[in-house]
Amino acid sequence: MLNYIPKYVRQDSDLAYGEKVTHENYNEKLNLNTTQGDYNTEVLNALFNNEDIESTYHIPYIDNILAAHGERLDTAEHDIDTLEENYLDFRGDFSDLDNKVNSIVSGSIATGHAQMADVITGALSAGPSKYYGTDENENAGFIDLPEFIYADEITTSAGVEGIYFIPMLNSVAENMLTEAVREKLNREAVVDYNYLDNRPKINSVTLEGNKSLSDLGIQGVGDYATNAGVASVLTDYYTKAQTDSAISTALTGNATQSWVNTQLSSYALSSTVTNVSNVANAAANVQVGSSWSGTPKQGDILITV
């Protein structure tokens, strides 16, 4: 690198008018000016014609500008490299995008909405009166439309007892029911006896409310001889007509105890009784009073007055 050192002509000509200019003075001034001019010319020649940056003169402010521009060029080069990388990435992405677009156009790749459209592919071959959706079991597919309801022109009048609709399974909400039905559904416990099923019965009469023994066909509480037992004992020792007549007479009206005793004691038994001891031991005894006198046995009868 060359260093530029300015060459100055530092001599002034101070000859007065009419003075003689010597050849020494002339030669000195001319050579000094020539040397200075030739030096500047050489410098300019090196600046404009020398391509080797290390063999020419440097101008400081130009060097500063070149250095600043060099940094900018370095930054720009880095930015260009980055842009180039981005361009290559974009070119690759664009290539992928181009392939995807071509695939979408050709139909090998379906978009989101196209995928939904593919679901109903075949609508034209599904048959008449079909719709795409889900049935009551949430199975997707082509479902038959419900039967259509048509209104025909009325030519004759006819009575309609009622129109009934059977709701689909699990389709009736609670608020669509009557108040009475909602009350039954929301009842925490059955507190009314009348709401129960399989209520007990006696003699086919449901035990509901206040029922008397007569309502239920039940005989009053007490010790009774069965019809078969009494009939068997009495038949062996009394005639049936005699027994029926005696009991009927004794129980008719307001019979007193003494009257009943008199009637029974005067009852003619001799014609039918074969053995008194057998009658006393085997036949049913009948007493009238408020309580039994002695020890009763099975088949004895107490008539309270």
C-alpha atoms as a PDB file:
ATOM      1  CA  MET A   1       0.000   0.000   0.000  1.00  0.00           C
ATOM      2  CA  LEU A   2       1.384   3.411  -1.012  1.00  0.00           C
ATOM      3  CA  ASN A   3       1.280   6.404   1.255  1.00  0.00           C
ATOM      4  CA  TYR A   4       0.423   9.642  -0.416  1.00  0.00           C
ATOM      5  CA  ILE A   5       2.638  12.603   0.673  1.00  0.00           C
ATOM      6  CA  PRO A   6       1.566  15.910  -0.905  1.00  0.00           C
ATOM      7  CA  LYS A   7       4.254  17.937  -2.713  1.00  0.00           C
ATOM      8  CA  TYR A   8       3.891  21.713  -2.308  1.00  0.00           C
ATOM      9  CA  VAL A   9       5.451  24.608  -4.315  1.00  0.00           C
ATOM     10  CA  ARG A  10       6.395  26.918  -1.506  1.00  0.00           C
ATOM     11  CA  GLN A  11       8.309  29.639  -3.406  1.00  0.00           C
ATOM     12  CA  ASP A  12       6.818  32.972  -4.348  1.00  0.00           C
ATOM     13  CA  SER A  13       8.203  35.069  -7.228  1.00  0.00           C
ATOM     14  CA  ASP A  14       8.964  38.593  -5.938  1.00  0.00           C
ATOM     15  CA  LEU A  15      10.650  40.171  -9.023  1.00  0.00           C
ATOM     16  CA  ALA A  16       9.700  43.766  -9.706  1.00  0.00           C
ATOM     17  CA  TYR A  17       8.727  45.212 -13.025  1.00  0.00           C
ATOM     18  CA  GLY A  18      11.674  45.474 -15.330  1.00  0.00           C
ATOM     19  CA  GLU A  19      13.942  43.246 -13.336  1.00  0.00           C
ATOM     20  CA  LYS A  20      15.905  40.604 -15.174  1.00  0.00           C
ATOM     21  CA  VAL A  21      14.765  37.021 -14.785  1.00  0.00           C
ATOM     22  CA  THR A  22      17.809  34.859 -14.649  1.00  0.00           C
ATOM     23  CA  HIS A  23      17.909  31.438 -16.077  1.00  0.00           C
ATOM     24  CA  GLU A  24      18.641  30.005 -12.629  1.00  0.00           C
ATOM     25  CA  ASN A  25      15.513  31.519 -11.178  1.00  0.00           C
ATOM     26  CA  TYR A  26      13.431  30.411 -14.116  1.00  0.00           C
ATOM     27  CA  ASN A  27      14.832  26.919 -14.121  1.00  0.00           C
ATOM     28  CA  GLU A  28      14.281  26.576 -10.390  1.00  0.00           C
ATOM     29  CA  LYS A  29      10.640  27.654 -10.544  1.00  0.00           C
ATOM     30  CA  LEU A  30       9.907  25.600 -13.650  1.00  0.00           C
ATOM     31  CA  ASN A  31      11.565  22.404 -12.330  1.00  0.00           C
ATOM     32  CA  LEU A  32       9.856  22.790  -8.951  1.00  0.00           C
ATOM     33  CA  ASN A  33       6.429  23.110 -10.598  1.00  0.00           C
ATOM     34  CA  THR A  34       7.164  20.317 -13.031  1.00  0.00           C
ATOM     35  CA  THR A  35       8.307  17.967 -10.271  1.00  0.00           C
ATOM     36  CA  GLN A  36       5.180  18.732  -8.189  1.00  0.00           C
ATOM     37  CA  GLY A  37       2.869  18.270 -11.189  1.00  0.00           C
ATOM     38  CA  ASP A  38       4.514  15.035 -12.296  1.00  0.00           C
ATOM     39  CA  TYR A  39       4.226  13.657  -8.745  1.00  0.00           C
ATOM     40  CA  ASN A  40       0.505  14.398  -8.591  1.00  0.00           C
ATOM     41  CA  THR A  41       0.074  12.902 -12.048  1.00  0.00           C
ATOM     42  CA  GLU A  42       1.743   9.685 -10.935  1.00  0.00           C
ATOM     43  CA  VAL A  43      -0.518   9.539  -7.900  1.00  0.00           C
ATOM     44  CA  LEU A  44      -3.608  10.029 -10.071  1.00  0.00           C
ATOM     45  CA  ASN A  45      -2.354   7.407 -12.505  1.00  0.00           C
ATOM     46  CA  ALA A  46      -1.951   4.896  -9.683  1.00  0.00           C
ATOM     47  CA  LEU A  47      -5.385   5.708  -8.294  1.00  0.00           C
ATOM     48  CA  PHE A  48      -7.249   5.349 -11.566  1.00  0.00           C
ATOM     49  CA  ASN A  49      -5.272   2.694 -13.364  1.00  0.00           C
ATOM     50  CA  ASN A  50      -3.827   0.314 -10.743  1.00  0.00           C
ATOM     51  CA  GLU A  51      -6.169  -2.612 -10.051  1.00  0.00           C
ATOM     52  CA  ASP A  52      -4.132  -4.040  -7.179  1.00  0.00           C
ATOM     53  CA  ILE A  53      -5.578  -2.557  -4.027  1.00  0.00           C
ATOM     54  CA  GLU A  54      -2.331  -3.175  -2.166  1.00  0.00           C
ATOM     55  CA  SER A  55      -0.234  -1.303  -4.834  1.00  0.00           C
ATOM     56  CA  THR A  56      -2.146   1.937  -4.902  1.00  0.00           C
ATOM     57  CA  TYR A  57      -3.008   4.793  -2.638  1.00  0.00           C
ATOM     58  CA  HIS A  58      -5.814   4.597  -0.114  1.00  0.00           C
ATOM     59  CA  ILE A  59      -8.198   7.433   0.614  1.00  0.00           C
ATOM     60  CA  PRO A  60      -9.239   7.288   4.282  1.00  0.00           C
ATOM     61  CA  TYR A  61     -12.858   8.371   3.948  1.00  0.00           C
ATOM     62  CA  ILE A  62     -13.333   6.055   1.003  1.00  0.00           C
ATOM     63  CA  ASP A  63     -11.803   3.227   3.047  1.00  0.00           C
ATOM     64  CA  ASN A  64     -14.251   4.005   5.871  1.00  0.00           C
ATOM     65  CA  ILE A  65     -17.147   3.964   3.456  1.00  0.00           C
ATOM     66  CA  LEU A  66     -15.918   0.729   1.929  1.00  0.00           C
ATOM     67  CA  ALA A  67     -15.520  -0.825   5.392  1.00  0.00           C
ATOM     68  CA  ALA A  68     -19.051   0.189   6.347  1.00  0.00           C
ATOM     69  CA  HIS A  69     -20.375  -1.141   3.094  1.00  0.00           C
ATOM     70  CA  GLY A  70     -18.356  -4.277   3.621  1.00  0.00           C
ATOM     71  CA  GLU A  71     -20.059  -4.908   6.918  1.00  0.00           C
ATOM     72  CA  ARG A  72     -23.392  -4.269   5.280  1.00  0.00           C
ATOM     73  CA  LEU A  73     -22.416  -6.607   2.475  1.00  0.00           C
ATOM     74  CA  ASP A  74     -21.416  -9.252   4.993  1.00  0.00           C
ATOM     75  CA  THR A  75     -24.748  -8.826   6.744  1.00  0.00           C
ATOM     76  CA  ALA A  76     -26.517  -8.802   3.419  1.00  0.00           C
ATOM     77  CA  GLU A  77     -24.640 -11.923   2.387  1.00  0.00           C
ATOM     78  CA  HIS A  78     -25.752 -13.605   5.613  1.00  0.00           C
ATOM     79  CA  ASP A  79     -29.270 -12.402   5.002  1.00  0.00           C
ATOM     80  CA  ILE A  80     -29.050 -13.650   1.450  1.00  0.00           C
ATOM     81  CA  ASP A  81     -27.889 -17.023   2.691  1.00  0.00           C
ATOM     82  CA  THR A  82     -30.801 -17.059   5.135  1.00  0.00           C
ATOM     83  CA  LEU A  83     -33.190 -16.021   2.390  1.00  0.00           C
ATOM     84  CA  GLU A  84     -31.755 -18.712   0.197  1.00  0.00           C
ATOM     85  CA  GLU A  85     -32.317 -21.310   2.916  1.00  0.00           C
ATOM     86  CA  ASN A  86     -35.826 -20.002   3.482  1.00  0.00           C
ATOM     87  CA  TYR A  87     -36.399 -20.060  -0.233  1.00  0.00           C
ATOM     88  CA  LEU A  88     -35.236 -23.651  -0.433  1.00  0.00           C
ATOM     89  CA  ASP A  89     -37.473 -24.565   2.504  1.00  0.00           C
ATOM     90  CA  PHE A  90     -40.361 -22.679   0.928  1.00  0.00           C
ATOM     91  CA  ARG A  91     -39.633 -24.367  -2.350  1.00  0.00           C
ATOM     92  CA  GLY A  92     -39.774 -27.732  -0.602  1.00  0.00           C
ATOM     93  CA  ASP A  93     -42.972 -26.774   1.224  1.00  0.00           C
ATOM     94  CA  PHE A  94     -44.413 -25.458  -1.975  1.00  0.00           C
ATOM     95  CA  SER A  95     -43.521 -28.706  -3.666  1.00  0.00           C
ATOM     96  CA  ASP A  96     -45.294 -30.641  -0.915  1.00  0.00           C
ATOM     97  CA  LEU A  97     -48.225 -28.259  -1.143  1.00  0.00           C
ATOM     98  CA  ASP A  98     -48.291 -28.685  -4.888  1.00  0.00           C
ATOM     99  CA  ASN A  99     -48.356 -32.460  -4.465  1.00  0.00           C
ATOM    100  CA  LYS A 100     -51.159 -32.205  -1.890  1.00  0.00           C
ATOM    101  CA  VAL A 101     -53.160 -29.894  -4.146  1.00  0.00           C
ATOM    102  CA  ASN A 102     -52.726 -32.299  -7.028  1.00  0.00           C
ATOM    103  CA  SER A 103     -53.764 -35.185  -4.741  1.00  0.00           C
ATOM    104  CA  ILE A 104     -56.859 -33.263  -3.626  1.00  0.00           C
ATOM    105  CA  VAL A 105     -57.710 -32.459  -7.240  1.00  0.00           C
ATOM    106  CA  SER A 106     -57.242 -36.093  -8.246  1.00  0.00           C
ATOM    107  CA  GLY A 107     -59.281 -37.275  -5.237  1.00  0.00           C
ATOM    108  CA  SER A 108     -56.575 -39.418  -3.616  1.00  0.00           C
ATOM    109  CA  ILE A 109     -56.643 -37.095  -0.565  1.00  0.00           C
ATOM    110  CA  ALA A 110     -59.948 -35.797   0.850  1.00  0.00           C
ATOM    111  CA  THR A 111     -60.301 -32.578   2.794  1.00  0.00           C
ATOM    112  CA  GLY A 112     -62.213 -32.422   6.096  1.00  0.00           C
ATOM    113  CA  HIS A 113     -65.534 -31.548   4.519  1.00  0.00           C
ATOM    114  CA  ALA A 114     -64.862 -33.944   1.670  1.00  0.00           C
ATOM    115  CA  GLN A 115     -64.441 -36.739   4.192  1.00  0.00           C
ATOM    116  CA  MET A 116     -67.921 -35.979   5.500  1.00  0.00           C
ATOM    117  CA  ALA A 117     -69.132 -36.008   1.919  1.00  0.00           C
ATOM    118  CA  ASP A 118     -67.534 -39.430   1.391  1.00  0.00           C
ATOM    119  CA  VAL A 119     -69.679 -40.745   4.251  1.00  0.00           C
ATOM    120  CA  ILE A 120     -72.858 -40.273   2.240  1.00  0.00           C
ATOM    121  CA  THR A 121     -71.350 -41.636  -0.966  1.00  0.00           C
ATOM    122  CA  GLY A 122     -73.926 -43.867  -2.532  1.00  0.00           C
ATOM    123  CA  ALA A 123     -76.933 -41.667  -1.873  1.00  0.00           C
ATOM    124  CA  LEU A 124     -78.073 -42.097  -5.456  1.00  0.00           C
ATOM    125  CA  SER A 125     -78.080 -45.878  -5.107  1.00  0.00           C
ATOM    126  CA  ALA A 126     -79.582 -46.011  -1.576  1.00  0.00           C
ATOM    127  CA  GLY A 127     -83.126 -46.273  -2.883  1.00  0.00           C
ATOM    128  CA  PRO A 128     -86.213 -44.068  -2.647  1.00  0.00           C
ATOM    129  CA  SER A 129     -87.396 -42.292   0.507  1.00  0.00           C
ATOM    130  CA  LYS A 130     -84.060 -42.534   2.327  1.00  0.00           C
ATOM    131  CA  TYR A 131     -82.144 -40.101   4.470  1.00  0.00           C
ATOM    132  CA  TYR A 132     -78.647 -40.294   5.906  1.00  0.00           C
ATOM    133  CA  GLY A 133     -78.586 -40.221   9.707  1.00  0.00           C
ATOM    134  CA  THR A 134     -78.857 -42.443  12.744  1.00  0.00           C
ATOM    135  CA  ASP A 135     -81.646 -44.750  13.827  1.00  0.00           C
ATOM    136  CA  GLU A 136     -83.027 -45.237  17.342  1.00  0.00           C
ATOM    137  CA  ASN A 137     -79.953 -47.346  18.187  1.00  0.00           C
ATOM    138  CA  GLU A 138     -77.562 -44.612  16.933  1.00  0.00           C
ATOM    139  CA  ASN A 139     -76.480 -46.714  13.949  1.00  0.00           C
ATOM    140  CA  ALA A 140     -75.374 -44.423  11.109  1.00  0.00           C
ATOM    141  CA  GLY A 141     -76.461 -45.067   7.543  1.00  0.00           C
ATOM    142  CA  PHE A 142     -79.283 -44.556   5.082  1.00  0.00           C
ATOM    143  CA  ILE A 143     -82.533 -44.766   7.034  1.00  0.00           C
ATOM    144  CA  ASP A 144     -86.068 -45.185   5.680  1.00  0.00           C
ATOM    145  CA  LEU A 145     -88.188 -42.087   5.947  1.00  0.00           C
ATOM    146  CA  PRO A 146     -91.222 -42.533   8.200  1.00  0.00           C
ATOM    147  CA  GLU A 147     -94.519 -43.203   6.549  1.00  0.00           C
ATOM    148  CA  PHE A 148     -96.109 -40.097   5.128  1.00  0.00           C
ATOM    149  CA  ILE A 149     -99.441 -38.829   6.393  1.00  0.00           C
ATOM    150  CA  TYR A 150    -101.735 -37.587   3.643  1.00  0.00           C
ATOM    151  CA  ALA A 151    -104.900 -35.556   3.999  1.00  0.00           C
ATOM    152  CA  ASP A 152    -107.502 -36.784   1.500  1.00  0.00           C
ATOM    153  CA  GLU A 153    -110.611 -34.901   0.644  1.00  0.00           C
ATOM    154  CA  ILE A 154    -113.422 -35.878   3.007  1.00  0.00           C
ATOM    155  CA  THR A 155    -116.381 -37.302   1.095  1.00  0.00           C
ATOM    156  CA  THR A 156    -118.178 -38.998   3.976  1.00  0.00           C
ATOM    157  CA  SER A 157    -118.239 -38.350   7.690  1.00  0.00           C
ATOM    158  CA  ALA A 158    -117.326 -41.009  10.191  1.00  0.00           C
ATOM    159  CA  GLY A 159    -117.061 -41.032  13.926  1.00  0.00           C
ATOM    160  CA  VAL A 160    -113.613 -41.416  15.456  1.00  0.00           C
ATOM    161  CA  GLU A 161    -113.436 -42.990  18.866  1.00  0.00           C
ATOM    162  CA  GLY A 162    -109.868 -41.899  19.433  1.00  0.00           C
ATOM    163  CA  ILE A 163    -106.445 -41.440  17.878  1.00  0.00           C
ATOM    164  CA  TYR A 164    -103.614 -43.135  19.716  1.00  0.00           C
ATOM    165  CA  PHE A 165     -99.919 -42.513  19.287  1.00  0.00           C
ATOM    166  CA  ILE A 166     -97.411 -45.022  20.603  1.00  0.00           C
ATOM    167  CA  PRO A 167     -94.321 -43.036  21.628  1.00  0.00           C
ATOM    168  CA  MET A 168     -90.890 -44.297  20.675  1.00  0.00           C
ATOM    169  CA  LEU A 169     -88.896 -46.024  23.391  1.00  0.00           C
ATOM    170  CA  ASN A 170     -87.340 -43.565  25.891  1.00  0.00           C
ATOM    171  CA  SER A 171     -88.970 -40.588  24.151  1.00  0.00           C
ATOM    172  CA  VAL A 172     -91.507 -39.364  26.753  1.00  0.00           C
ATOM    173  CA  ALA A 173     -90.211 -36.733  29.195  1.00  0.00           C
ATOM    174  CA  GLU A 174     -91.605 -36.476  32.718  1.00  0.00           C
ATOM    175  CA  ASN A 175     -93.000 -32.988  32.139  1.00  0.00           C
ATOM    176  CA  MET A 176     -95.264 -34.450  29.406  1.00  0.00           C
ATOM    177  CA  LEU A 177     -97.066 -36.696  31.892  1.00  0.00           C
ATOM    178  CA  THR A 178    -100.155 -35.767  33.861  1.00  0.00           C
ATOM    179  CA  GLU A 179     -99.787 -34.341  37.342  1.00  0.00           C
ATOM    180  CA  ALA A 180    -101.198 -37.520  38.914  1.00  0.00           C
ATOM    181  CA  VAL A 181     -98.673 -39.704  37.070  1.00  0.00           C
ATOM    182  CA  ARG A 182     -95.781 -37.401  38.027  1.00  0.00           C
ATOM    183  CA  GLU A 183     -96.908 -37.579  41.653  1.00  0.00           C
ATOM    184  CA  LYS A 184     -96.813 -41.386  41.576  1.00  0.00           C
ATOM    185  CA  LEU A 185     -93.407 -41.429  39.893  1.00  0.00           C
ATOM    186  CA  ASN A 186     -91.882 -39.043  42.413  1.00  0.00           C
ATOM    187  CA  ARG A 187     -93.453 -40.667  45.493  1.00  0.00           C
ATOM    188  CA  GLU A 188     -90.655 -41.724  47.836  1.00  0.00           C
ATOM    189  CA  ALA A 189     -92.758 -44.413  49.564  1.00  0.00           C
ATOM    190  CA  VAL A 190     -96.245 -45.920  49.301  1.00  0.00           C
ATOM    191  CA  VAL A 191     -98.138 -44.537  52.285  1.00  0.00           C
ATOM    192  CA  ASP A 192    -101.684 -45.275  51.125  1.00  0.00           C
ATOM    193  CA  TYR A 193    -102.866 -48.846  51.678  1.00  0.00           C
ATOM    194  CA  ASN A 194    -105.179 -48.579  48.658  1.00  0.00           C
ATOM    195  CA  TYR A 195    -102.132 -48.190  46.333  1.00  0.00           C
ATOM    196  CA  LEU A 196    -100.802 -51.643  47.253  1.00  0.00           C
ATOM    197  CA  ASP A 197    -101.187 -54.702  45.065  1.00  0.00           C
ATOM    198  CA  ASN A 198    -102.035 -58.224  46.279  1.00  0.00           C
ATOM    199  CA  ARG A 199    -103.795 -57.014  49.423  1.00  0.00           C
ATOM    200  CA  PRO A 200    -104.891 -59.874  51.726  1.00  0.00           C
ATOM    201  CA  LYS A 201    -108.372 -61.363  51.448  1.00  0.00           C
ATOM    202  CA  ILE A 202    -110.631 -63.542  53.637  1.00  0.00           C
ATOM    203  CA  ASN A 203    -113.390 -65.521  51.934  1.00  0.00           C
ATOM    204  CA  SER A 204    -112.523 -63.605  48.712  1.00  0.00           C
ATOM    205  CA  VAL A 205    -113.255 -60.295  50.515  1.00  0.00           C
ATOM    206  CA  THR A 206    -110.391 -57.748  50.301  1.00  0.00           C
ATOM    207  CA  LEU A 207    -109.339 -56.473  53.737  1.00  0.00           C
ATOM    208  CA  GLU A 208    -110.033 -52.828  53.063  1.00  0.00           C
ATOM    209  CA  GLY A 209    -111.451 -50.370  55.575  1.00  0.00           C
ATOM    210  CA  ASN A 210    -113.442 -51.636  58.597  1.00  0.00           C
ATOM    211  CA  LYS A 211    -114.829 -55.115  57.904  1.00  0.00           C
ATOM    212  CA  SER A 212    -117.052 -56.995  60.352  1.00  0.00           C
ATOM    213  CA  LEU A 213    -117.019 -60.755  60.910  1.00  0.00           C
ATOM    214  CA  SER A 214    -120.316 -60.859  59.085  1.00  0.00           C
ATOM    215  CA  ASP A 215    -118.773 -59.045  56.083  1.00  0.00           C
ATOM    216  CA  LEU A 216    -116.047 -61.680  56.029  1.00  0.00           C
ATOM    217  CA  GLY A 217    -118.389 -64.603  56.666  1.00  0.00           C
ATOM    218  CA  ILE A 218    -116.652 -65.497  59.959  1.00  0.00           C
ATOM    219  CA  GLN A 219    -118.438 -66.976  63.020  1.00  0.00           C
ATOM    220  CA  GLY A 220    -118.018 -65.139  66.324  1.00  0.00           C
ATOM    221  CA  VAL A 221    -115.395 -66.158  68.871  1.00  0.00           C
ATOM    222  CA  GLY A 222    -116.398 -69.148  71.088  1.00  0.00           C
ATOM    223  CA  ASP A 223    -116.276 -72.911  71.613  1.00  0.00           C
ATOM    224  CA  TYR A 224    -118.491 -74.630  69.073  1.00  0.00           C
ATOM    225  CA  ALA A 225    -119.305 -78.206  68.345  1.00  0.00           C
ATOM    226  CA  THR A 226    -119.067 -79.047  64.701  1.00  0.00           C
ATOM    227  CA  ASN A 227    -122.207 -79.932  62.807  1.00  0.00           C
ATOM    228  CA  ALA A 228    -120.838 -83.348  62.032  1.00  0.00           C
ATOM    229  CA  GLY A 229    -119.878 -84.056  65.675  1.00  0.00           C
ATOM    230  CA  VAL A 230    -123.152 -82.883  67.143  1.00  0.00           C
ATOM    231  CA  ALA A 231    -125.178 -84.672  64.507  1.00  0.00           C
ATOM    232  CA  SER A 232    -123.257 -87.894  65.083  1.00  0.00           C
ATOM    233  CA  VAL A 233    -123.764 -87.819  68.876  1.00  0.00           C
ATOM    234  CA  LEU A 234    -127.380 -86.728  68.824  1.00  0.00           C
ATOM    235  CA  THR A 235    -128.361 -89.098  66.075  1.00  0.00           C
ATOM    236  CA  ASP A 236    -127.166 -92.049  68.136  1.00  0.00           C
ATOM    237  CA  TYR A 237    -129.374 -91.175  71.131  1.00  0.00           C
ATOM    238  CA  TYR A 238    -132.135 -88.813  69.914  1.00  0.00           C
ATOM    239  CA  THR A 239    -134.193 -88.724  66.812  1.00  0.00           C
ATOM    240  CA  LYS A 240    -133.341 -85.784  64.612  1.00  0.00           C
ATOM    241  CA  ALA A 241    -136.934 -84.508  64.742  1.00  0.00           C
ATOM    242  CA  GLN A 242    -136.926 -84.589  68.550  1.00  0.00           C
ATOM    243  CA  THR A 243    -133.589 -82.748  68.774  1.00  0.00           C
ATOM    244  CA  ASP A 244    -134.600 -80.069  66.246  1.00  0.00           C
ATOM    245  CA  SER A 245    -137.950 -79.529  67.991  1.00  0.00           C
ATOM    246  CA  ALA A 246    -136.421 -79.265  71.489  1.00  0.00           C
ATOM    247  CA  ILE A 247    -133.674 -76.820  70.504  1.00  0.00           C
ATOM    248  CA  SER A 248    -136.049 -74.768  68.386  1.00  0.00           C
ATOM    249  CA  THR A 249    -138.559 -74.497  71.249  1.00  0.00           C
ATOM    250  CA  ALA A 250    -135.888 -73.685  73.826  1.00  0.00           C
ATOM    251  CA  LEU A 251    -134.338 -70.899  71.720  1.00  0.00           C
ATOM    252  CA  THR A 252    -137.589 -69.281  70.600  1.00  0.00           C
ATOM    253  CA  GLY A 253    -138.442 -66.064  72.439  1.00  0.00           C
ATOM    254  CA  ASN A 254    -136.930 -65.033  75.786  1.00  0.00           C
ATOM    255  CA  ALA A 255    -136.571 -68.442  77.424  1.00  0.00           C
ATOM    256  CA  THR A 256    -135.605 -68.397  81.094  1.00  0.00           C
ATOM    257  CA  GLN A 257    -133.025 -70.791  82.477  1.00  0.00           C
ATOM    258  CA  SER A 258    -135.613 -72.598  84.615  1.00  0.00           C
ATOM    259  CA  TRP A 259    -137.974 -72.927  81.674  1.00  0.00           C
ATOM    260  CA  VAL A 260    -135.228 -74.417  79.482  1.00  0.00           C
ATOM    261  CA  ASN A 261    -134.209 -76.786  82.271  1.00  0.00           C
ATOM    262  CA  THR A 262    -137.854 -77.872  82.720  1.00  0.00           C
ATOM    263  CA  GLN A 263    -138.243 -78.450  79.010  1.00  0.00           C
ATOM    264  CA  LEU A 264    -135.080 -80.481  78.781  1.00  0.00           C
ATOM    265  CA  SER A 265    -135.789 -82.508  81.927  1.00  0.00           C
ATOM    266  CA  SER A 266    -139.329 -83.343  80.806  1.00  0.00           C
ATOM    267  CA  TYR A 267    -138.091 -84.314  77.342  1.00  0.00           C
ATOM    268  CA  ALA A 268    -139.204 -87.892  76.655  1.00  0.00           C
ATOM    269  CA  LEU A 269    -136.078 -89.795  76.010  1.00  0.00           C
ATOM    270  CA  SER A 270    -137.222 -93.322  76.900  1.00  0.00           C
ATOM    271  CA  SER A 271    -138.331 -94.139  73.406  1.00  0.00           C
ATOM    272  CA  THR A 272    -134.871 -93.542  71.916  1.00  0.00           C
ATOM    273  CA  VAL A 273    -132.428 -93.935  74.799  1.00  0.00           C
ATOM    274  CA  THR A 274    -131.186 -97.483  75.159  1.00  0.00           C
ATOM    275  CA  ASN A 275    -128.636 -96.945  77.907  1.00  0.00           C
ATOM    276  CA  VAL A 276    -128.704 -93.981  80.275  1.00  0.00           C
ATOM    277  CA  SER A 277    -125.078 -94.331  81.215  1.00  0.00           C
ATOM    278  CA  ASN A 278    -124.081 -94.193  77.563  1.00  0.00           C
ATOM    279  CA  VAL A 279    -126.163 -91.042  77.112  1.00  0.00           C
ATOM    280  CA  ALA A 280    -124.573 -89.354  80.089  1.00  0.00           C
ATOM    281  CA  ASN A 281    -121.077 -90.202  79.010  1.00  0.00           C
ATOM    282  CA  ALA A 282    -121.279 -89.937  75.240  1.00  0.00           C
ATOM    283  CA  ALA A 283    -124.102 -87.519  74.410  1.00  0.00           C
ATOM    284  CA  ALA A 284    -123.543 -83.770  74.332  1.00  0.00           C
ATOM    285  CA  ASN A 285    -124.816 -82.027  77.468  1.00  0.00           C
ATOM    286  CA  VAL A 286    -126.691 -78.750  77.137  1.00  0.00           C
ATOM    287  CA  GLN A 287    -126.690 -76.188  79.940  1.00  0.00           C
ATOM    288  CA  VAL A 288    -128.347 -72.770  80.162  1.00  0.00           C
ATOM    289  CA  GLY A 289    -126.757 -70.054  82.279  1.00  0.00           C
ATOM    290  CA  SER A 290    -123.935 -67.553  82.458  1.00  0.00           C
ATOM    291  CA  SER A 291    -121.242 -70.227  82.995  1.00  0.00           C
ATOM    292  CA  TRP A 292    -120.782 -74.006  82.780  1.00  0.00           C
ATOM    293  CA  SER A 293    -121.501 -76.058  85.862  1.00  0.00           C
ATOM    294  CA  GLY A 294    -118.912 -78.781  86.306  1.00  0.00           C
ATOM    295  CA  THR A 295    -116.341 -79.780  83.717  1.00  0.00           C
ATOM    296  CA  PRO A 296    -117.519 -79.591  80.091  1.00  0.00           C
ATOM    297  CA  LYS A 297    -116.337 -82.089  77.495  1.00  0.00           C
ATOM    298  CA  GLN A 298    -116.016 -81.736  73.787  1.00  0.00           C
ATOM    299  CA  GLY A 299    -119.441 -81.377  72.187  1.00  0.00           C
ATOM    300  CA  ASP A 300    -121.227 -79.894  75.239  1.00  0.00           C
ATOM    301  CA  ILE A 301    -123.425 -76.855  74.566  1.00  0.00           C
ATOM    302  CA  LEU A 302    -123.768 -73.779  76.884  1.00  0.00           C
ATOM    303  CA  ILE A 303    -126.690 -71.455  76.175  1.00  0.00           C
ATOM    304  CA  THR A 304    -126.288 -68.060  77.818  1.00  0.00           C
ATOM    305  CA  VAL A 305    -129.442 -66.018  78.469  1.00  0.00           C
END
